[in-house]
Amino acid sequence: MDDRAALAGIVFVLKTGITWRELPRSVCGCSGVTCWRRLRDWTEAGVWPALHETLLDQLRALKKLELDVAVADASHVRALKGGTRRAPRPSIGVGRVPSTT
């Protein structure tokens, strides 16, 4: 399967929030399972950090990288003045499910 088709499917699933099985073949020309496998394989191969570095290098070369303007996702920023305990998470299912990561 073409890498571009798989990437288009991956982006579509991540952008819309649908499940891999719900991905219509008409969107990218391949199945959601194929896109999921490609995402898994590329993640294991370290493609995403390398792609990020390449993008940053190109933006720097074009003088388009503006670090004065940045966005931080609060879910990844430590709350320095926050409490010491984590809030309990409500259960959404009957039993525990193993992590897929």
Protein backbone atom coordinates (compact mmCIF):
# COMPACT_ATOMS: atom_id res chain seq x y z
CA MET A 1 0.00 0.00 0.00
CA ASP A 2 1.19 3.49 -0.84
CA ASP A 3 2.66 5.43 2.11
CA ARG A 4 0.77 8.59 1.17
CA ALA A 5 -2.54 6.73 1.18
CA ALA A 6 -1.80 5.25 4.61
CA LEU A 7 -0.75 8.66 5.94
CA ALA A 8 -3.96 10.22 4.60
CA GLY A 9 -5.96 7.54 6.42
CA ILE A 10 -4.01 8.04 9.65
CA VAL A 11 -4.53 11.79 9.57
CA PHE A 12 -8.24 11.34 8.81
CA VAL A 13 -8.75 8.99 11.77
CA LEU A 14 -6.78 11.18 14.16
CA LYS A 15 -8.54 14.34 12.97
CA THR A 16 -12.09 12.99 13.05
CA GLY A 17 -11.81 10.66 16.04
CA ILE A 18 -13.44 7.72 14.27
CA THR A 19 -12.25 4.19 14.91
CA TRP A 20 -9.84 2.47 12.54
CA ARG A 21 -12.58 0.08 11.44
CA GLU A 22 -14.89 2.99 10.57
CA LEU A 23 -12.39 4.50 8.11
CA PRO A 24 -14.04 4.41 4.67
CA ARG A 25 -11.78 2.93 2.01
CA SER A 26 -12.93 5.76 -0.28
CA VAL A 27 -11.10 8.32 1.90
CA CYS A 28 -7.58 7.06 1.25
CA GLY A 29 -7.81 3.89 -0.79
CA CYS A 30 -6.83 1.49 1.97
CA SER A 31 -8.42 -0.06 5.02
CA GLY A 32 -8.32 1.33 8.53
CA VAL A 33 -6.47 -1.77 9.70
CA THR A 34 -3.75 -1.11 7.12
CA CYS A 35 -3.46 2.50 8.31
CA TRP A 36 -3.31 1.36 11.94
CA ARG A 37 -0.54 -1.13 11.17
CA ARG A 38 1.42 1.51 9.29
CA LEU A 39 1.04 3.93 12.23
CA ARG A 40 2.26 1.21 14.61
CA ASP A 41 5.22 0.32 12.39
CA TRP A 42 6.23 3.94 11.82
CA THR A 43 5.96 4.66 15.54
CA GLU A 44 8.18 1.69 16.39
CA ALA A 45 10.68 2.80 13.71
CA GLY A 46 10.93 6.32 15.18
CA VAL A 47 9.47 8.02 12.10
CA TRP A 48 7.50 10.70 13.96
CA PRO A 49 10.38 12.30 15.93
CA ALA A 50 12.54 12.22 12.77
CA LEU A 51 9.75 13.84 10.75
CA HIS A 52 9.33 16.50 13.44
CA GLU A 53 13.06 17.32 13.35
CA THR A 54 13.02 17.50 9.54
CA LEU A 55 10.07 19.88 9.62
CA LEU A 56 11.76 22.10 12.21
CA ASP A 57 14.99 22.15 10.15
CA GLN A 58 13.10 23.19 7.02
CA LEU A 59 11.19 25.91 8.88
CA ARG A 60 14.46 27.22 10.33
CA ALA A 61 16.07 27.28 6.88
CA LEU A 62 13.12 29.28 5.52
CA LYS A 63 13.18 31.55 8.59
CA LYS A 64 9.57 30.56 9.27
CA LEU A 65 10.11 29.09 12.73
CA GLU A 66 8.74 31.61 15.21
CA LEU A 67 9.40 30.37 18.72
CA ASP A 68 8.02 33.61 20.18
CA VAL A 69 4.57 32.33 19.29
CA ALA A 70 3.93 28.87 20.70
CA VAL A 71 1.09 26.82 22.09
CA ALA A 72 1.45 24.40 24.97
CA ASP A 73 -1.10 21.64 25.47
CA ALA A 74 -2.01 21.85 29.14
CA SER A 75 -2.33 18.09 29.39
CA HIS A 76 1.47 17.90 29.00
CA VAL A 77 2.43 20.77 31.29
CA ARG A 78 3.07 20.10 34.95
CA ALA A 79 0.95 22.17 37.33
CA LEU A 80 3.64 23.70 39.55
CA LYS A 81 1.17 25.04 42.11
CA GLY A 82 -1.21 22.09 41.86
CA GLY A 83 -2.08 19.60 44.52
CA THR A 84 -0.08 16.53 45.42
CA ARG A 85 -2.85 14.02 44.71
CA ARG A 86 -4.41 13.08 41.40
CA ALA A 87 -8.18 13.27 41.09
CA PRO A 88 -9.90 9.87 40.90
CA ARG A 89 -10.84 8.78 37.41
CA PRO A 90 -14.42 7.62 36.94
CA SER A 91 -14.85 4.11 35.62
CA ILE A 92 -16.20 3.85 32.07
CA GLY A 93 -16.44 0.08 31.85
CA VAL A 94 -17.11 -3.12 33.69
CA GLY A 95 -13.51 -4.26 34.05
CA ARG A 96 -9.95 -3.20 33.38
CA VAL A 97 -8.68 -3.26 29.82
CA PRO A 98 -4.98 -3.74 29.05
CA SER A 99 -3.15 -0.75 27.62
CA THR A 100 -2.41 -0.79 23.89
CA THR A 101 0.74 1.30 24.25
